[in-house]
N, C-alpha and C. Protein backbone atom coordinates (compact mmCIF):
# COMPACT_ATOMS: atom_id res chain seq x y z
N MET A 1 -38.59 -6.55 58.97
CA MET A 1 -37.29 -6.40 58.33
C MET A 1 -36.33 -7.40 58.96
N SER A 2 -35.60 -8.11 58.12
CA SER A 2 -34.65 -9.10 58.64
C SER A 2 -33.42 -8.40 59.21
N THR A 3 -32.66 -9.14 60.00
CA THR A 3 -31.43 -8.60 60.59
C THR A 3 -30.45 -8.17 59.51
N LEU A 4 -30.35 -8.96 58.43
CA LEU A 4 -29.42 -8.63 57.35
C LEU A 4 -29.78 -7.29 56.73
N GLN A 5 -31.06 -7.05 56.49
CA GLN A 5 -31.48 -5.77 55.91
C GLN A 5 -31.23 -4.62 56.88
N ALA A 6 -31.36 -4.87 58.17
CA ALA A 6 -31.21 -3.81 59.15
C ALA A 6 -29.77 -3.28 59.20
N VAL A 7 -28.77 -4.12 58.90
CA VAL A 7 -27.38 -3.68 58.98
C VAL A 7 -26.84 -3.18 57.64
N ARG A 8 -27.61 -3.33 56.56
CA ARG A 8 -27.17 -2.89 55.23
C ARG A 8 -27.37 -1.38 55.12
N ALA A 9 -26.28 -0.64 54.98
CA ALA A 9 -26.36 0.82 54.86
C ALA A 9 -26.47 1.20 53.39
N PRO A 10 -27.49 2.00 53.04
CA PRO A 10 -27.62 2.42 51.64
C PRO A 10 -26.46 3.32 51.24
N LEU A 11 -26.18 3.34 49.95
CA LEU A 11 -25.17 4.28 49.44
C LEU A 11 -25.64 5.70 49.69
N PRO A 12 -24.72 6.62 49.97
CA PRO A 12 -25.12 8.02 50.09
C PRO A 12 -25.66 8.52 48.76
N TRP A 13 -26.58 9.47 48.81
CA TRP A 13 -27.23 9.99 47.61
C TRP A 13 -27.15 11.51 47.57
N LEU A 14 -26.83 12.04 46.39
CA LEU A 14 -26.85 13.48 46.14
C LEU A 14 -27.74 13.75 44.94
N TYR A 15 -28.57 14.79 45.03
CA TYR A 15 -29.44 15.14 43.91
C TYR A 15 -28.61 15.62 42.72
N SER A 16 -28.94 15.10 41.54
CA SER A 16 -28.36 15.61 40.30
C SER A 16 -29.32 15.29 39.16
N ASP A 17 -29.61 16.28 38.35
CA ASP A 17 -30.43 16.04 37.15
C ASP A 17 -29.54 15.87 35.92
N GLY A 18 -28.23 15.80 36.12
CA GLY A 18 -27.30 15.57 35.03
C GLY A 18 -27.15 16.75 34.08
N GLY A 19 -27.64 17.91 34.47
CA GLY A 19 -27.58 19.09 33.61
C GLY A 19 -28.83 19.27 32.77
N ARG A 20 -29.87 18.50 33.05
CA ARG A 20 -31.11 18.54 32.27
C ARG A 20 -31.75 19.93 32.27
N LYS A 21 -31.93 20.50 33.45
CA LYS A 21 -32.57 21.81 33.55
C LYS A 21 -31.72 22.88 32.85
N GLU A 22 -30.42 22.84 33.08
CA GLU A 22 -29.50 23.80 32.46
C GLU A 22 -29.54 23.71 30.94
N ALA A 23 -29.81 22.51 30.41
CA ALA A 23 -29.89 22.31 28.96
C ALA A 23 -31.23 22.78 28.39
N GLY A 24 -32.13 23.24 29.26
CA GLY A 24 -33.40 23.80 28.80
C GLY A 24 -34.56 22.82 28.76
N PHE A 25 -34.38 21.62 29.32
CA PHE A 25 -35.45 20.63 29.33
C PHE A 25 -36.36 20.89 30.53
N ARG A 26 -37.65 20.69 30.33
CA ARG A 26 -38.65 20.96 31.37
C ARG A 26 -39.62 19.78 31.48
N GLY A 27 -40.30 19.73 32.58
CA GLY A 27 -41.37 18.76 32.78
C GLY A 27 -40.86 17.38 33.15
N PRO A 28 -41.79 16.51 33.53
CA PRO A 28 -41.40 15.15 33.94
C PRO A 28 -40.92 14.34 32.74
N ALA A 29 -40.03 13.41 33.01
CA ALA A 29 -39.49 12.55 31.94
C ALA A 29 -38.99 11.24 32.55
N GLY A 30 -38.95 10.22 31.74
CA GLY A 30 -38.38 8.93 32.13
C GLY A 30 -36.98 8.81 31.56
N ASP A 31 -36.15 9.80 31.86
CA ASP A 31 -34.84 9.93 31.22
C ASP A 31 -33.68 9.46 32.07
N CYS A 32 -33.89 8.46 32.92
CA CYS A 32 -32.83 8.05 33.85
C CYS A 32 -31.57 7.59 33.13
N ALA A 33 -31.70 6.91 32.01
CA ALA A 33 -30.52 6.44 31.27
C ALA A 33 -29.71 7.64 30.77
N THR A 34 -30.39 8.61 30.20
CA THR A 34 -29.73 9.81 29.69
C THR A 34 -29.04 10.58 30.81
N ARG A 35 -29.74 10.76 31.92
CA ARG A 35 -29.16 11.44 33.10
C ARG A 35 -27.93 10.71 33.60
N ALA A 36 -28.05 9.39 33.75
CA ALA A 36 -26.92 8.60 34.28
C ALA A 36 -25.71 8.70 33.36
N ILE A 37 -25.93 8.66 32.06
CA ILE A 37 -24.83 8.78 31.10
C ILE A 37 -24.18 10.15 31.22
N ALA A 38 -24.99 11.21 31.24
CA ALA A 38 -24.44 12.56 31.34
C ALA A 38 -23.59 12.71 32.60
N ILE A 39 -24.09 12.18 33.72
CA ILE A 39 -23.38 12.31 34.99
C ILE A 39 -22.10 11.48 34.99
N ALA A 40 -22.23 10.19 34.72
CA ALA A 40 -21.08 9.28 34.84
C ALA A 40 -20.02 9.52 33.77
N ALA A 41 -20.44 9.87 32.57
CA ALA A 41 -19.49 10.10 31.48
C ALA A 41 -18.96 11.53 31.49
N GLY A 42 -19.54 12.39 32.32
CA GLY A 42 -19.09 13.77 32.41
C GLY A 42 -19.35 14.55 31.14
N MET A 43 -20.46 14.23 30.48
CA MET A 43 -20.78 14.94 29.23
C MET A 43 -22.01 15.82 29.43
N PRO A 44 -22.14 16.86 28.63
CA PRO A 44 -23.32 17.70 28.73
C PRO A 44 -24.59 16.87 28.48
N TYR A 45 -25.67 17.23 29.19
CA TYR A 45 -26.92 16.49 29.07
C TYR A 45 -27.39 16.43 27.61
N ARG A 46 -27.31 17.56 26.89
CA ARG A 46 -27.76 17.61 25.49
C ARG A 46 -26.98 16.61 24.64
N GLU A 47 -25.68 16.49 24.87
CA GLU A 47 -24.85 15.55 24.11
C GLU A 47 -25.28 14.10 24.40
N ALA A 48 -25.51 13.80 25.68
CA ALA A 48 -25.98 12.46 26.05
C ALA A 48 -27.35 12.19 25.44
N TYR A 49 -28.24 13.16 25.50
CA TYR A 49 -29.60 13.06 24.95
C TYR A 49 -29.55 12.74 23.45
N ASP A 50 -28.72 13.49 22.73
CA ASP A 50 -28.61 13.28 21.28
C ASP A 50 -27.99 11.92 20.96
N ARG A 51 -26.98 11.50 21.71
CA ARG A 51 -26.34 10.20 21.47
C ARG A 51 -27.35 9.06 21.70
N VAL A 52 -28.09 9.15 22.80
CA VAL A 52 -29.08 8.11 23.09
C VAL A 52 -30.14 8.06 21.99
N ASN A 53 -30.66 9.21 21.58
CA ASN A 53 -31.70 9.22 20.53
C ASN A 53 -31.16 8.73 19.19
N GLU A 54 -29.90 9.01 18.91
CA GLU A 54 -29.28 8.54 17.66
C GLU A 54 -29.33 7.00 17.61
N ILE A 55 -29.02 6.37 18.72
CA ILE A 55 -29.02 4.90 18.76
C ILE A 55 -30.44 4.35 18.89
N CYS A 56 -31.31 5.08 19.58
CA CYS A 56 -32.71 4.65 19.68
C CYS A 56 -33.35 4.57 18.29
N ALA A 57 -32.93 5.44 17.39
CA ALA A 57 -33.49 5.44 16.03
C ALA A 57 -33.17 4.15 15.28
N LEU A 58 -32.15 3.41 15.74
CA LEU A 58 -31.78 2.14 15.10
C LEU A 58 -32.60 0.97 15.62
N GLU A 59 -33.34 1.18 16.71
CA GLU A 59 -34.13 0.10 17.33
C GLU A 59 -35.21 -0.38 16.36
N THR A 60 -35.33 -1.68 16.24
CA THR A 60 -36.34 -2.26 15.34
C THR A 60 -37.33 -3.09 16.15
N GLY A 61 -38.45 -3.40 15.55
CA GLY A 61 -39.44 -4.26 16.18
C GLY A 61 -40.46 -3.52 17.02
N TYR A 62 -40.40 -2.21 17.06
CA TYR A 62 -41.34 -1.42 17.84
C TYR A 62 -41.88 -0.31 16.96
N SER A 63 -43.11 0.13 17.26
CA SER A 63 -43.65 1.28 16.53
C SER A 63 -42.89 2.52 16.97
N ARG A 64 -42.98 3.56 16.21
CA ARG A 64 -42.27 4.79 16.53
C ARG A 64 -42.66 5.30 17.92
N ARG A 65 -43.94 5.14 18.27
CA ARG A 65 -44.41 5.62 19.57
C ARG A 65 -43.88 4.81 20.74
N SER A 66 -43.62 3.53 20.53
CA SER A 66 -43.17 2.69 21.65
C SER A 66 -41.66 2.42 21.63
N ARG A 67 -40.97 3.02 20.68
CA ARG A 67 -39.52 2.87 20.59
C ARG A 67 -38.83 3.56 21.77
N SER A 68 -37.69 3.06 22.16
CA SER A 68 -36.89 3.71 23.22
C SER A 68 -36.61 5.15 22.83
N SER A 69 -36.47 6.00 23.84
CA SER A 69 -36.09 7.40 23.59
C SER A 69 -35.34 7.95 24.80
N ALA A 70 -34.55 8.97 24.55
CA ALA A 70 -33.76 9.60 25.61
C ALA A 70 -34.67 10.21 26.67
N ARG A 71 -35.86 10.63 26.29
CA ARG A 71 -36.79 11.28 27.22
C ARG A 71 -37.69 10.31 27.96
N GLU A 72 -38.14 9.26 27.28
CA GLU A 72 -39.16 8.39 27.86
C GLU A 72 -38.67 7.02 28.30
N GLY A 73 -37.41 6.71 28.09
CA GLY A 73 -36.88 5.44 28.57
C GLY A 73 -36.16 4.65 27.49
N VAL A 74 -35.21 3.86 27.93
CA VAL A 74 -34.34 3.11 27.02
C VAL A 74 -34.38 1.64 27.40
N ARG A 75 -34.74 0.80 26.44
CA ARG A 75 -34.73 -0.65 26.67
C ARG A 75 -33.28 -1.14 26.81
N THR A 76 -33.12 -2.27 27.48
CA THR A 76 -31.79 -2.82 27.77
C THR A 76 -30.92 -3.01 26.52
N PRO A 77 -31.44 -3.59 25.42
CA PRO A 77 -30.56 -3.76 24.24
C PRO A 77 -30.07 -2.43 23.67
N VAL A 78 -30.91 -1.40 23.75
CA VAL A 78 -30.50 -0.08 23.25
C VAL A 78 -29.46 0.52 24.19
N MET A 79 -29.66 0.39 25.49
CA MET A 79 -28.66 0.89 26.44
C MET A 79 -27.33 0.19 26.22
N ARG A 80 -27.37 -1.09 25.93
CA ARG A 80 -26.13 -1.84 25.66
C ARG A 80 -25.40 -1.21 24.46
N MET A 81 -26.14 -0.90 23.39
CA MET A 81 -25.52 -0.29 22.20
C MET A 81 -24.95 1.10 22.53
N VAL A 82 -25.71 1.88 23.31
CA VAL A 82 -25.23 3.22 23.68
C VAL A 82 -23.93 3.12 24.47
N MET A 83 -23.92 2.25 25.47
CA MET A 83 -22.76 2.16 26.34
C MET A 83 -21.53 1.60 25.61
N PHE A 84 -21.74 0.62 24.75
CA PHE A 84 -20.61 0.12 23.96
C PHE A 84 -20.09 1.20 23.03
N SER A 85 -20.99 2.03 22.48
CA SER A 85 -20.55 3.12 21.59
C SER A 85 -19.71 4.14 22.35
N LEU A 86 -19.94 4.24 23.65
CA LEU A 86 -19.16 5.16 24.49
C LEU A 86 -17.89 4.51 25.03
N GLY A 87 -17.72 3.21 24.76
CA GLY A 87 -16.53 2.51 25.21
C GLY A 87 -16.60 2.06 26.66
N TRP A 88 -17.78 1.71 27.15
CA TRP A 88 -17.94 1.24 28.52
C TRP A 88 -18.11 -0.28 28.53
N ASP A 89 -17.70 -0.91 29.63
CA ASP A 89 -17.78 -2.36 29.81
C ASP A 89 -18.96 -2.73 30.72
N TRP A 90 -19.61 -3.85 30.39
CA TRP A 90 -20.73 -4.36 31.18
C TRP A 90 -20.24 -5.43 32.16
N HIS A 91 -20.71 -5.34 33.40
CA HIS A 91 -20.37 -6.29 34.46
C HIS A 91 -21.66 -6.84 35.05
N PRO A 92 -22.13 -8.01 34.60
CA PRO A 92 -23.35 -8.57 35.18
C PRO A 92 -23.08 -9.11 36.58
N VAL A 93 -24.01 -8.91 37.49
CA VAL A 93 -23.83 -9.43 38.85
C VAL A 93 -25.03 -10.26 39.30
N MET A 94 -25.99 -10.46 38.40
CA MET A 94 -27.17 -11.23 38.74
C MET A 94 -27.60 -12.00 37.51
N GLY A 95 -27.93 -13.24 37.68
CA GLY A 95 -28.39 -14.06 36.57
C GLY A 95 -29.59 -14.89 36.98
N ILE A 96 -30.13 -15.61 36.05
CA ILE A 96 -31.29 -16.45 36.32
C ILE A 96 -30.91 -17.47 37.40
N GLY A 97 -31.66 -17.47 38.45
CA GLY A 97 -31.45 -18.43 39.54
C GLY A 97 -30.41 -18.04 40.57
N THR A 98 -29.72 -16.92 40.37
CA THR A 98 -28.66 -16.54 41.32
C THR A 98 -29.21 -15.76 42.51
N GLY A 99 -30.34 -15.13 42.33
CA GLY A 99 -30.82 -14.23 43.37
C GLY A 99 -30.00 -12.96 43.36
N CYS A 100 -30.31 -12.09 44.26
CA CYS A 100 -29.63 -10.80 44.34
C CYS A 100 -28.26 -10.98 44.99
N THR A 101 -27.20 -10.62 44.26
CA THR A 101 -25.85 -10.77 44.79
C THR A 101 -25.21 -9.42 45.13
N MET A 102 -25.83 -8.31 44.69
CA MET A 102 -25.32 -6.97 44.97
C MET A 102 -26.51 -6.04 45.20
N HIS A 103 -26.39 -5.22 46.21
CA HIS A 103 -27.42 -4.24 46.53
C HIS A 103 -26.85 -2.83 46.42
N MET A 104 -27.72 -1.85 46.36
CA MET A 104 -27.29 -0.45 46.37
C MET A 104 -26.94 -0.08 47.82
N ALA A 105 -25.89 -0.73 48.30
CA ALA A 105 -25.49 -0.59 49.69
C ALA A 105 -23.98 -0.41 49.80
N GLU A 106 -23.57 0.25 50.87
CA GLU A 106 -22.15 0.45 51.12
C GLU A 106 -21.45 -0.89 51.25
N GLY A 107 -20.27 -1.00 50.63
CA GLY A 107 -19.50 -2.22 50.69
C GLY A 107 -19.89 -3.26 49.66
N GLU A 108 -20.96 -3.02 48.90
CA GLU A 108 -21.38 -3.98 47.89
C GLU A 108 -21.12 -3.47 46.47
N VAL A 109 -21.30 -2.20 46.25
CA VAL A 109 -21.09 -1.60 44.93
C VAL A 109 -19.62 -1.19 44.84
N PRO A 110 -18.94 -1.55 43.73
CA PRO A 110 -17.52 -1.21 43.60
C PRO A 110 -17.28 0.30 43.61
N ASP A 111 -16.11 0.67 44.04
CA ASP A 111 -15.72 2.07 44.04
C ASP A 111 -15.43 2.50 42.60
N GLY A 112 -15.37 3.77 42.36
CA GLY A 112 -15.08 4.27 41.02
C GLY A 112 -16.32 4.89 40.41
N THR A 113 -16.32 4.97 39.09
CA THR A 113 -17.43 5.54 38.33
C THR A 113 -18.16 4.42 37.62
N LEU A 114 -19.48 4.39 37.80
CA LEU A 114 -20.28 3.35 37.15
C LEU A 114 -21.71 3.81 36.96
N ILE A 115 -22.40 3.08 36.09
CA ILE A 115 -23.84 3.24 35.92
C ILE A 115 -24.45 1.91 36.32
N ALA A 116 -25.27 1.94 37.38
CA ALA A 116 -25.91 0.73 37.87
C ALA A 116 -27.23 0.50 37.14
N ARG A 117 -27.44 -0.76 36.73
CA ARG A 117 -28.74 -1.14 36.15
C ARG A 117 -29.57 -1.75 37.26
N LEU A 118 -30.69 -1.12 37.54
CA LEU A 118 -31.62 -1.55 38.57
C LEU A 118 -32.93 -1.96 37.90
N SER A 119 -33.89 -2.41 38.67
CA SER A 119 -35.18 -2.75 38.08
C SER A 119 -35.85 -1.47 37.56
N GLY A 120 -35.98 -1.37 36.25
CA GLY A 120 -36.64 -0.22 35.63
C GLY A 120 -35.92 1.10 35.81
N HIS A 121 -34.63 1.08 36.06
CA HIS A 121 -33.92 2.33 36.32
C HIS A 121 -32.42 2.17 36.09
N TYR A 122 -31.77 3.27 35.71
CA TYR A 122 -30.31 3.37 35.64
C TYR A 122 -29.90 4.52 36.54
N SER A 123 -28.80 4.35 37.24
CA SER A 123 -28.36 5.36 38.18
C SER A 123 -26.83 5.48 38.15
N ALA A 124 -26.34 6.72 38.18
CA ALA A 124 -24.90 6.97 38.22
C ALA A 124 -24.39 6.85 39.65
N VAL A 125 -23.24 6.19 39.80
CA VAL A 125 -22.59 6.08 41.10
C VAL A 125 -21.12 6.49 40.89
N ILE A 126 -20.69 7.49 41.64
CA ILE A 126 -19.31 7.96 41.52
C ILE A 126 -18.70 8.00 42.92
N GLY A 127 -17.60 7.26 43.09
CA GLY A 127 -16.92 7.22 44.37
C GLY A 127 -17.80 6.74 45.51
N GLY A 128 -18.71 5.82 45.21
CA GLY A 128 -19.58 5.27 46.24
C GLY A 128 -20.79 6.13 46.58
N THR A 129 -21.01 7.21 45.84
CA THR A 129 -22.17 8.08 46.07
C THR A 129 -23.07 8.06 44.84
N VAL A 130 -24.36 7.88 45.07
CA VAL A 130 -25.35 7.89 44.00
C VAL A 130 -25.65 9.33 43.63
N LEU A 131 -25.58 9.64 42.34
CA LEU A 131 -25.98 10.96 41.83
C LEU A 131 -27.18 10.73 40.92
N ASP A 132 -28.34 11.20 41.34
CA ASP A 132 -29.58 10.90 40.63
C ASP A 132 -30.63 11.93 41.03
N ALA A 133 -31.75 11.93 40.31
CA ALA A 133 -32.84 12.86 40.60
C ALA A 133 -33.65 12.43 41.82
N TYR A 134 -33.48 11.18 42.25
CA TYR A 134 -34.09 10.70 43.49
C TYR A 134 -33.22 9.58 44.05
N ASP A 135 -33.44 9.22 45.29
CA ASP A 135 -32.66 8.16 45.93
C ASP A 135 -33.24 6.81 45.52
N PRO A 136 -32.50 6.03 44.71
CA PRO A 136 -33.01 4.75 44.22
C PRO A 136 -32.64 3.55 45.09
N CYS A 137 -32.01 3.77 46.23
CA CYS A 137 -31.40 2.67 47.00
C CYS A 137 -32.38 1.80 47.78
N ARG A 138 -33.56 2.31 48.07
CA ARG A 138 -34.54 1.57 48.88
C ARG A 138 -33.92 1.08 50.18
N GLU A 139 -33.29 2.02 50.87
CA GLU A 139 -32.64 1.75 52.16
C GLU A 139 -31.59 0.64 52.08
N GLY A 140 -30.93 0.53 50.93
CA GLY A 140 -29.85 -0.44 50.75
C GLY A 140 -30.32 -1.83 50.34
N THR A 141 -31.63 -1.98 50.05
CA THR A 141 -32.16 -3.30 49.70
C THR A 141 -32.36 -3.49 48.20
N ARG A 142 -32.20 -2.45 47.40
CA ARG A 142 -32.46 -2.58 45.96
C ARG A 142 -31.35 -3.36 45.27
N CYS A 143 -31.75 -4.36 44.49
CA CYS A 143 -30.80 -5.21 43.78
C CYS A 143 -30.20 -4.50 42.57
N VAL A 144 -28.93 -4.77 42.35
CA VAL A 144 -28.22 -4.31 41.17
C VAL A 144 -28.13 -5.50 40.23
N TYR A 145 -28.62 -5.34 38.99
CA TYR A 145 -28.55 -6.42 38.00
C TYR A 145 -27.16 -6.50 37.38
N GLY A 146 -26.50 -5.36 37.30
CA GLY A 146 -25.18 -5.26 36.72
C GLY A 146 -24.81 -3.80 36.64
N TYR A 147 -23.61 -3.52 36.13
CA TYR A 147 -23.20 -2.13 36.06
C TYR A 147 -22.22 -1.93 34.90
N TRP A 148 -22.18 -0.70 34.43
CA TRP A 148 -21.28 -0.28 33.35
C TRP A 148 -20.13 0.51 33.95
N THR A 149 -18.91 0.28 33.43
CA THR A 149 -17.76 1.07 33.84
C THR A 149 -17.00 1.52 32.59
N PRO A 150 -16.31 2.67 32.68
CA PRO A 150 -15.50 3.10 31.53
C PRO A 150 -14.40 2.08 31.27
N GLN A 151 -14.12 1.82 29.99
CA GLN A 151 -13.05 0.90 29.65
C GLN A 151 -11.71 1.46 30.09
N VAL A 152 -10.87 0.58 30.55
CA VAL A 152 -9.51 0.96 30.93
C VAL A 152 -8.60 0.59 29.75
N ASN A 153 -7.81 1.54 29.29
CA ASN A 153 -6.89 1.29 28.19
C ASN A 153 -5.70 0.51 28.72
N HIS A 154 -5.61 -0.75 28.32
CA HIS A 154 -4.51 -1.59 28.76
C HIS A 154 -3.26 -1.36 27.90
N GLY A 155 -2.12 -1.28 28.57
CA GLY A 155 -0.86 -1.16 27.86
C GLY A 155 -0.55 0.24 27.36
N GLN A 156 -1.29 1.24 27.79
CA GLN A 156 -1.00 2.60 27.33
C GLN A 156 -0.61 3.47 28.48
């Protein structure tokens, strides 16, 4: 482990299923996008689940079995449509050739409410604390590709 990695403190993590169990859902699922939306947007899990599936139904170019879904995973273009429909803004922090510029570490992720896009995962972060079904930080070394934040109404 390099010296830089040794001093990087991961974000604190608290377990949250986003209300999945309370909504009556059971068994394993690849529903990180749905969970993150329910947590960060403060909406019931069922509402987030239905919203995600509504937009997943618009996805083209895939068979019904391989299409994005609230339960089994959401491709990036579908997540973009879901988040824009909720009025959230996208903030990219990594591009081709830039390398990792933000990690799931204290002092690197902005304060406030956001949904971080990680490799193969979405995670809610509120007030600098990760709320998720597992700790996705990888000891503060996991790269953040970008993040979603609620739109701020300017001039109101």
